[in-house]
Every structure is written in C-alpha cells, then in structure tokens.
C-alpha cells in the first residue's frame, strides 16, 4: 500500500473513530483508558476461559504470521527442536553439575520462548494455529519443559548437588529456574489449561508471575506484566489486567519488545471487551500510525498489520452487538470493508510474539546477569 493511500485512509479512520468515540462512549459501557470493569468478560487474547473465539472468515481477511528465520517455517521449527534436543543431550552427558543444570535451563527456556511461540502467537491473534503445532505437540512441549524445570529444581534442593556449587552459581541457577517455572505455568494455563476451573488456573498462574514484576532485568517484568494481563482477562479480572498494562499510546521501550508493543494491543482489546469499542478503535488507529517510530524498521509493517487486524476484530465484535439498522453498525461495516484489504492482498503478515518469553542468558556464556 502506498504511503499516500495509507495516510488518507488513516486520517479518515482516525477522525471517524475519534468522533464516534466522543459521541458514543457515553451511551455505551464505560471505556476510559485507565480502568476496566471485570463483569462477565471474554478473553481479548484468544479465548474465554480456555475456549477460542470464532471469527467469520467470510467477513475478515486471512492473514498469516511473519515467518521466522531465513528458511521456511517447518525448517525453522525443525532447527529449533534440534537445538533443544542437542542441549538436553549435552546436559545428560556431562558430569559437571553446573553445566548440566545450566544446559537444562537453556533447553527449557528455548522450548517455552521459541518452540511454543507459533501456538502462542496464533492464539493471541485469535487465529487457528496453521503452523503445524497441534494440541498434542503443544502439550508434549509444555510437559517436557516443566519436567526439565522440576528436575533442575530438585537438583538445586539436594544437599549433594548444592554443596558442589559455589553459592553465587547456585543462586543464579535458582533465579533462572524460578523465572522459567513462573512463565511455564503461564503458558500452560494459556495453551493447555486441562481439567478444573480454568479461571482458577489462570488466577493461580497470574499470581506466580507477580514476583517477576520486581526483577532487575527489564525484559522479565515487561514479559511478566504482559502475561499476567492475559491471564487476568481470562479469569474475568479486566481491572486487574488494566493495572499492569501500559497506556496504549505511551511509547514502548525497544529493549522490552515484543511484549511492550503487544501489551498496547492487548490494552485496546481489554477496553473494547469492557464496552469501549469506539475508544479501542480510535486507539488502535493511532497505534497503527506510530509503528514506524515505535518498532524497528524490519517489524514496522507487520506491527501496523497487527494493529489493523485488531481493529477488524474489534469492529466485527462491536457490530454484532449493535442493532441491525443502526448507523453505527453501517459505519462498522464500511470500516471492515476498507480495512479488510489491509496492505492490498490476502495473507498479510502479522508481527510474531517472538520470543514468547525472554531468552535468559546462561552461566557458561557469562551473560546471565550474575545476580
């Protein structure tokens, strides 16, 4: 899409969306970008208490996810899994306790941050996972990561292992194990909640993330806040989600990408699900326009597409709640038709939530922070 066409379209949408927000917010449920009402909220990040939202493909386009790596998606996934297998093989083959635990944590980190990312990203965009990572494989990877983390936790608690480790090394390994275990619980609740009350599963996982909000490495609290907000919305606590999400139009910290940008998209979805559809649309339009400044050049277009995609979801969801003959519903239909072109072709790529969680440094590489 040409810059001039995008500018004209964005100006019209921004003005229209802003005027609608001013005119209609008072007649709808409250939707200020400062707080939210829990109510009977649906999940704005793909599921309502574990169930995916259905999107009418006849109305909306069929976007795709930006491929990762230099090769195709299947090769990238194969290489990622091969790297994880190699890390675990090396961990099992070494007699050095520090190396064994360090390699094991690195493997678990890559399972959670990279191997599970396709399912996480597709779920966030409310898309079917078309990248070949089915529910059985997702569950298998989660179980593998959690098993590795539990094994490391047991080893760090054993007197024999603990006595063979310098105090500072033991502390650093424990920190990484604690961080990764909290993120593993979040991803498990998001992707495979299993039996029991899903809202309670989400609540417990969100609580476990709270301590990570105080971490010294800035990427950890950024990711933890994002994941805690997702889990809060899944348990119906929109107010709790809004408390940890940054303001939609505050500039993301590039050191905290991708979570800082995705947190702004999530905030707009939470506002919409709380009844503030026109406000959310106006905010998403402005988020779209700021991507060139907010994101690295290689990600700006995919980031804009992500904001447009959430505008489409929000417009469609709002239109379904409006009377069939209302002028607001007609406006939504016009915007959907205009936006559905996205950047001019079916299969427009969306920004990936990659990595899904921070990839922490390792002791053997000397970049784990040493704290």
Protein backbone atom coordinates (compact mmCIF):
# COMPACT_ATOMS: atom_id res chain seq x y z
CA UNK A 1 0.00 0.00 0.00
CA UNK A 2 1.35 3.45 -0.90
CA UNK A 3 2.17 5.92 1.86
CA UNK A 4 -0.32 8.45 0.47
CA UNK A 5 -3.15 5.92 0.38
CA UNK A 6 -2.37 4.77 3.90
CA UNK A 7 -2.22 8.37 5.13
CA UNK A 8 -5.58 9.27 3.60
CA UNK A 9 -7.20 6.11 4.89
CA UNK A 10 -5.75 6.51 8.37
CA UNK A 11 -6.80 10.16 8.61
CA UNK A 12 -10.39 9.29 7.70
CA UNK A 13 -10.48 6.38 10.10
CA UNK A 14 -8.83 8.31 12.91
CA UNK A 15 -11.24 11.24 12.59
CA UNK A 16 -14.23 8.95 12.21
CA UNK A 17 -13.18 6.71 15.06
CA UNK A 18 -12.42 9.63 17.35
CA UNK A 19 -15.74 11.32 16.64
CA UNK A 20 -17.55 8.04 17.25
CA UNK A 21 -15.65 7.59 20.48
CA UNK A 22 -16.70 11.05 21.67
CA UNK A 23 -20.29 10.67 20.54
CA UNK A 24 -20.94 7.08 21.52
CA UNK A 25 -18.85 6.21 24.56
CA UNK A 26 -21.30 7.97 26.85
CA UNK A 27 -24.11 5.76 25.57
CA UNK A 28 -22.11 2.54 25.88
CA UNK A 29 -20.43 0.82 28.81
CA UNK A 30 -17.57 2.82 30.41
CA UNK A 31 -14.33 2.50 28.47
CA UNK A 32 -11.71 5.00 29.67
CA UNK A 33 -8.10 4.02 29.11
CA UNK A 34 -7.47 3.96 32.84
CA UNK A 35 -9.64 1.24 34.39
CA UNK A 36 -11.97 -1.59 33.49
CA UNK A 37 -14.91 -3.41 34.97
CA UNK A 38 -14.48 -7.16 35.41
CA UNK A 39 -18.07 -8.17 34.71
CA UNK A 40 -18.55 -11.25 32.57
CA UNK A 41 -15.55 -10.52 30.42
CA UNK A 42 -14.44 -12.61 27.49
CA UNK A 43 -10.76 -13.11 26.84
CA UNK A 44 -9.39 -10.44 24.48
CA UNK A 45 -6.36 -12.55 23.69
CA UNK A 46 -7.91 -15.55 22.01
CA UNK A 47 -10.06 -17.43 24.47
CA UNK A 48 -12.77 -17.02 27.07
CA UNK A 49 -11.74 -19.27 29.94
CA UNK A 50 -9.92 -21.61 27.59
CA UNK A 51 -12.23 -21.60 24.55
CA UNK A 52 -11.12 -19.95 21.27
CA UNK A 53 -13.16 -17.12 19.82
CA UNK A 54 -14.70 -17.78 16.39
CA UNK A 55 -14.07 -15.23 13.64
CA UNK A 56 -16.20 -15.19 10.49
CA UNK A 57 -13.69 -15.76 7.69
CA UNK A 58 -16.22 -14.58 5.11
CA UNK A 59 -16.04 -11.07 6.59
CA UNK A 60 -12.41 -10.81 7.64
CA UNK A 61 -9.25 -11.46 5.58
CA UNK A 62 -6.99 -14.41 6.21
CA UNK A 63 -3.70 -13.01 7.49
CA UNK A 64 -0.61 -15.07 8.07
CA UNK A 65 2.23 -14.84 10.55
CA UNK A 66 5.59 -13.44 9.55
CA UNK A 67 7.90 -16.44 9.01
CA UNK A 68 10.85 -16.72 11.35
CA UNK A 69 14.40 -17.41 10.29
CA UNK A 70 15.86 -17.35 6.81
CA UNK A 71 14.18 -20.55 5.70
CA UNK A 72 10.59 -21.76 5.71
CA UNK A 73 8.60 -22.26 8.90
CA UNK A 74 8.94 -26.06 9.05
CA UNK A 75 12.73 -25.87 8.67
CA UNK A 76 12.94 -23.19 11.33
CA UNK A 77 10.91 -25.34 13.72
CA UNK A 78 12.99 -28.41 12.92
CA UNK A 79 16.19 -26.50 13.63
CA UNK A 80 14.79 -25.10 16.89
CA UNK A 81 13.77 -28.53 18.15
CA UNK A 82 17.11 -29.98 17.05
CA UNK A 83 18.92 -27.30 19.07
CA UNK A 84 16.80 -28.13 22.12
CA UNK A 85 17.50 -31.85 21.74
CA UNK A 86 21.23 -31.13 21.47
CA UNK A 87 21.17 -29.02 24.65
CA UNK A 88 19.42 -31.79 26.56
CA UNK A 89 21.80 -34.43 25.17
CA UNK A 90 24.79 -32.38 26.29
CA UNK A 91 23.20 -31.82 29.71
CA UNK A 92 22.68 -35.54 30.21
CA UNK A 93 26.21 -36.33 29.04
CA UNK A 94 28.20 -34.07 31.34
CA UNK A 95 29.38 -34.87 34.84
CA UNK A 96 29.76 -31.18 35.74
CA UNK A 97 26.76 -30.15 37.86
CA UNK A 98 26.87 -26.51 36.84
CA UNK A 99 26.99 -27.35 33.13
CA UNK A 100 24.22 -29.93 33.45
CA UNK A 101 21.82 -27.55 35.19
CA UNK A 102 22.81 -24.59 33.02
CA UNK A 103 22.24 -26.51 29.76
CA UNK A 104 18.95 -27.92 31.04
CA UNK A 105 17.63 -24.45 31.87
CA UNK A 106 18.70 -23.16 28.46
CA UNK A 107 16.79 -26.01 26.79
CA UNK A 108 13.64 -25.36 28.84
CA UNK A 109 13.90 -21.64 28.05
CA UNK A 110 14.01 -22.35 24.32
CA UNK A 111 11.04 -24.68 24.49
CA UNK A 112 8.94 -22.01 26.19
CA UNK A 113 10.21 -19.00 24.26
CA UNK A 114 10.72 -20.43 20.77
CA UNK A 115 9.21 -23.88 20.24
CA UNK A 116 5.82 -22.89 21.69
CA UNK A 117 5.78 -19.43 20.10
CA UNK A 118 3.70 -20.39 17.00
CA UNK A 119 0.83 -21.59 19.17
CA UNK A 120 1.12 -18.54 21.44
CA UNK A 121 1.11 -16.05 18.56
CA UNK A 122 -1.78 -17.72 16.73
CA UNK A 123 -3.82 -17.82 19.95
CA UNK A 124 -3.14 -14.16 20.66
CA UNK A 125 -4.38 -13.14 17.21
CA UNK A 126 -7.43 -15.39 17.61
CA UNK A 127 -6.35 -17.45 14.61
CA UNK A 128 -6.33 -21.20 14.09
CA UNK A 129 -2.79 -22.48 14.51
CA UNK A 130 -1.83 -23.11 10.89
CA UNK A 131 1.87 -23.56 11.58
CA UNK A 132 1.72 -27.28 12.27
CA UNK A 133 1.94 -27.16 16.06
CA UNK A 134 -1.15 -29.13 17.04
CA UNK A 135 -2.62 -29.51 20.53
CA UNK A 136 -0.83 -32.80 21.16
CA UNK A 137 2.57 -31.36 20.26
CA UNK A 138 1.89 -28.25 22.32
CA UNK A 139 1.04 -30.37 25.35
CA UNK A 140 4.13 -32.52 24.79
CA UNK A 141 6.42 -29.49 24.67
CA UNK A 142 4.86 -27.98 27.80
CA UNK A 143 5.27 -31.26 29.68
CA UNK A 144 8.88 -31.55 28.52
CA UNK A 145 9.77 -28.02 29.68
CA UNK A 146 8.03 -28.43 33.02
CA UNK A 147 9.73 -31.78 33.57
CA UNK A 148 13.16 -30.26 32.94
CA UNK A 149 12.43 -27.37 35.31
CA UNK A 150 11.20 -29.70 38.03
CA UNK A 151 14.35 -31.82 37.67
CA UNK A 152 16.56 -28.75 37.96
CA UNK A 153 14.59 -27.59 41.00
CA UNK A 154 15.06 -30.94 42.71
CA UNK A 155 18.78 -30.96 41.94
CA UNK A 156 19.23 -27.48 43.37
CA UNK A 157 17.45 -28.63 46.52
CA UNK A 158 19.60 -31.71 47.03
CA UNK A 159 22.44 -31.35 49.51
CA UNK A 160 24.91 -33.22 47.33
CA UNK A 161 24.34 -31.01 44.30
CA UNK A 162 24.05 -27.82 46.32
CA UNK A 163 27.31 -28.45 48.18
CA UNK A 164 29.19 -28.87 44.89
CA UNK A 165 28.08 -25.49 43.59
CA UNK A 166 29.54 -22.10 44.53
CA UNK A 167 26.96 -20.04 46.40
CA UNK A 168 26.69 -17.39 43.69
CA UNK A 169 26.25 -20.02 40.95
CA UNK A 170 23.54 -21.80 42.91
CA UNK A 171 21.73 -18.50 43.45
CA UNK A 172 21.88 -17.62 39.76
CA UNK A 173 20.59 -21.03 38.71
CA UNK A 174 17.77 -20.82 41.24
CA UNK A 175 16.78 -17.41 39.89
CA UNK A 176 16.55 -18.68 36.32
CA UNK A 177 14.64 -21.78 37.40
CA UNK A 178 12.16 -19.66 39.34
CA UNK A 179 11.60 -17.24 36.43
CA UNK A 180 11.16 -20.01 33.87
CA UNK A 181 8.83 -22.01 36.12
CA UNK A 182 6.53 -19.00 36.50
CA UNK A 183 6.44 -18.45 32.74
CA UNK A 184 5.87 -22.18 32.17
CA UNK A 185 2.81 -22.00 34.41
CA UNK A 186 1.51 -19.02 32.43
CA UNK A 187 1.96 -20.73 29.06
CA UNK A 188 0.38 -23.92 30.36
CA UNK A 189 -2.68 -22.02 31.57
CA UNK A 190 -2.89 -20.19 28.23
CA UNK A 191 -2.36 -23.09 25.86
CA UNK A 192 -3.44 -26.21 27.74
CA UNK A 193 -5.35 -25.40 30.96
CA UNK A 194 -6.52 -29.01 31.35
CA UNK A 195 -9.14 -30.05 33.87
CA UNK A 196 -10.53 -27.95 36.69
CA UNK A 197 -11.90 -24.43 36.74
CA UNK A 198 -9.97 -22.58 34.00
CA UNK A 199 -10.49 -19.22 35.71
CA UNK A 200 -8.84 -20.54 38.87
CA UNK A 201 -5.99 -21.99 36.80
CA UNK A 202 -5.45 -18.59 35.23
CA UNK A 203 -5.64 -16.82 38.58
CA UNK A 204 -3.02 -19.04 40.16
CA UNK A 205 -0.68 -18.70 37.19
CA UNK A 206 -1.09 -14.91 37.27
CA UNK A 207 -0.22 -14.82 40.97
CA UNK A 208 3.01 -16.76 40.31
CA UNK A 209 4.07 -14.05 37.85
CA UNK A 210 3.71 -11.25 40.41
CA UNK A 211 7.19 -11.68 41.86
CA UNK A 212 8.72 -11.33 38.38
CA UNK A 213 7.42 -7.77 38.13
CA UNK A 214 10.24 -6.81 40.54
CA UNK A 215 13.06 -8.43 38.52
CA UNK A 216 16.15 -6.32 37.78
CA UNK A 217 16.37 -7.42 34.11
CA UNK A 218 13.84 -5.09 32.40
CA UNK A 219 12.67 -7.67 29.86
CA UNK A 220 11.44 -10.00 32.60
CA UNK A 221 8.90 -7.62 34.21
CA UNK A 222 7.79 -6.47 30.73
CA UNK A 223 7.00 -10.03 29.69
CA UNK A 224 5.59 -10.93 33.10
CA UNK A 225 3.21 -7.95 33.03
CA UNK A 226 2.02 -8.87 29.56
CA UNK A 227 1.37 -12.49 30.53
CA UNK A 228 -0.23 -11.55 33.82
CA UNK A 229 -2.63 -9.24 31.98
CA UNK A 230 -3.59 -12.02 29.57
CA UNK A 231 -4.28 -14.38 32.46
CA UNK A 232 -6.23 -11.73 34.39
CA UNK A 233 -8.52 -11.21 31.41
CA UNK A 234 -9.06 -14.95 31.13
CA UNK A 235 -10.23 -15.10 34.72
CA UNK A 236 -12.55 -12.14 34.10
CA UNK A 237 -10.48 -9.58 36.03
CA UNK A 238 -10.26 -6.76 33.49
CA UNK A 239 -9.49 -4.19 36.17
CA UNK A 240 -6.51 -6.27 37.30
CA UNK A 241 -5.33 -6.56 33.71
CA UNK A 242 -5.53 -2.81 33.14
CA UNK A 243 -3.45 -2.15 36.24
CA UNK A 244 -0.42 -3.96 34.81
CA UNK A 245 -0.81 -2.89 31.17
CA UNK A 246 0.89 0.31 29.92
CA UNK A 247 -1.19 3.10 28.43
CA UNK A 248 -2.00 2.30 24.81
CA UNK A 249 -0.34 5.40 23.35
CA UNK A 250 2.74 5.51 25.57
CA UNK A 251 5.85 4.66 23.54
CA UNK A 252 7.13 1.09 24.01
CA UNK A 253 10.63 0.52 25.29
CA UNK A 254 12.55 -1.16 22.46
CA UNK A 255 14.55 -3.16 24.99
CA UNK A 256 11.26 -4.68 26.12
CA UNK A 257 9.94 -5.73 22.71
CA UNK A 258 7.94 -7.65 21.65
CA UNK A 259 5.98 -7.70 24.92
CA UNK A 260 5.81 -3.93 25.33
CA UNK A 261 4.16 -3.50 21.92
CA UNK A 262 1.81 -6.45 22.30
CA UNK A 263 0.78 -5.08 25.71
CA UNK A 264 -0.59 -2.00 23.97
CA UNK A 265 -2.61 -4.11 21.54
CA UNK A 266 -3.91 -6.12 24.47
CA UNK A 267 -4.94 -3.00 26.38
CA UNK A 268 -7.04 -1.88 23.41
CA UNK A 269 -8.74 -5.28 23.29
CA UNK A 270 -9.46 -5.14 27.02
CA UNK A 271 -11.01 -1.68 26.61
CA UNK A 272 -13.18 -3.00 23.77
CA UNK A 273 -14.33 -6.04 25.70
CA UNK A 274 -15.30 -3.77 28.54
CA UNK A 275 -17.72 -1.99 26.20
CA UNK A 276 -15.46 0.74 24.89
CA UNK A 277 -15.44 -0.31 21.25
CA UNK A 278 -15.20 3.18 19.68
CA UNK A 279 -12.44 4.16 22.12
CA UNK A 280 -10.49 0.99 21.34
CA UNK A 281 -10.83 1.53 17.58
CA UNK A 282 -9.59 5.11 17.86
CA UNK A 283 -6.62 3.98 19.98
CA UNK A 284 -5.72 1.12 17.64
CA UNK A 285 -5.76 3.52 14.69
CA UNK A 286 -3.22 5.71 16.47
CA UNK A 287 -1.13 2.70 17.47
CA UNK A 288 -1.05 1.72 13.79
CA UNK A 289 0.22 5.17 12.82
CA UNK A 290 3.02 5.12 15.40
CA UNK A 291 4.59 1.82 14.39
CA UNK A 292 7.26 3.44 12.22
CA UNK A 293 8.50 5.29 15.29
CA UNK A 294 7.90 2.57 17.84
CA UNK A 295 9.24 -0.53 16.09
CA UNK A 296 12.47 -1.45 14.29
CA UNK A 297 12.21 -0.94 10.50
CA UNK A 298 12.03 -4.66 9.79
CA UNK A 299 8.99 -5.03 12.07
CA UNK A 300 7.08 -1.81 11.43
CA UNK A 301 4.86 -3.06 8.59
CA UNK A 302 3.95 -6.29 10.38
CA UNK A 303 3.29 -4.26 13.53
CA UNK A 304 0.90 -1.98 11.61
CA UNK A 305 -0.85 -5.05 10.22
CA UNK A 306 -1.27 -6.35 13.76
CA UNK A 307 -2.97 -3.11 14.83
CA UNK A 308 -5.21 -3.25 11.74
CA UNK A 309 -6.11 -6.87 12.47
CA UNK A 310 -7.25 -5.96 15.98
CA UNK A 311 -9.26 -3.07 14.55
CA UNK A 312 -11.02 -5.62 12.34
CA UNK A 313 -11.73 -7.94 15.25
CA UNK A 314 -12.99 -5.04 17.35
CA UNK A 315 -15.21 -3.67 14.57
CA UNK A 316 -16.70 -7.08 13.89
CA UNK A 317 -17.32 -7.79 17.56
CA UNK A 318 -18.92 -4.37 18.10
CA UNK A 319 -21.11 -4.64 15.01
CA UNK A 320 -22.52 -7.94 16.26
CA UNK A 321 -23.75 -6.18 19.42
CA UNK A 322 -25.42 -3.27 17.59
CA UNK A 323 -28.97 -3.15 16.18
CA UNK A 324 -29.09 -4.28 12.55
CA UNK A 325 -30.41 -0.94 11.26
CA UNK A 326 -28.20 1.36 13.32
CA UNK A 327 -25.91 3.93 11.72
CA UNK A 328 -23.09 2.73 13.95
CA UNK A 329 -23.36 -0.78 12.52
CA UNK A 330 -23.30 0.60 9.00
CA UNK A 331 -20.16 2.56 9.90
CA UNK A 332 -18.54 -0.65 11.24
CA UNK A 333 -19.40 -2.48 8.01
CA UNK A 334 -17.79 0.25 5.91
CA UNK A 335 -14.65 0.22 8.01
CA UNK A 336 -14.42 -3.56 7.86
CA UNK A 337 -14.68 -3.49 4.06
CA UNK A 338 -11.97 -0.83 3.86
CA UNK A 339 -9.64 -2.41 6.38
CA UNK A 340 -10.11 -5.94 5.07
CA UNK A 341 -7.79 -5.02 2.21
CA UNK A 342 -5.09 -4.49 4.86
CA UNK A 343 -2.00 -3.88 2.71
CA UNK A 344 -3.63 -4.98 -0.50
CA UNK A 345 -3.55 -8.77 -0.58
CA UNK A 346 -4.85 -11.79 1.25
CA UNK A 347 -2.29 -13.36 3.54
CA UNK A 348 -0.94 -10.12 5.02
CA UNK A 349 1.79 -10.97 7.56
CA UNK A 350 1.29 -10.16 11.24
CA UNK A 351 4.06 -9.47 13.76
CA UNK A 352 5.15 -12.52 15.74
CA UNK A 353 5.23 -12.65 19.53
CA UNK A 354 8.76 -13.99 19.32
CA UNK A 355 10.16 -14.94 21.70
CA UNK A 356 7.08 -15.77 23.72
CA UNK A 357 9.07 -15.25 26.93
CA UNK A 358 12.54 -13.74 27.46
CA UNK A 359 15.53 -15.82 26.42
CA UNK A 360 17.68 -15.56 29.52
CA UNK A 361 21.46 -15.63 29.46
CA UNK A 362 23.44 -18.66 30.61
CA UNK A 363 26.22 -19.04 33.13
CA UNK A 364 28.55 -20.76 30.66
CA UNK A 365 28.20 -17.77 28.30
CA UNK A 366 28.68 -15.30 31.15
CA UNK A 367 25.57 -13.27 30.26
CA UNK A 368 23.03 -14.38 32.86
CA UNK A 369 23.30 -11.14 34.82
CA UNK A 370 25.31 -12.65 37.61
CA UNK A 371 22.80 -11.65 40.30
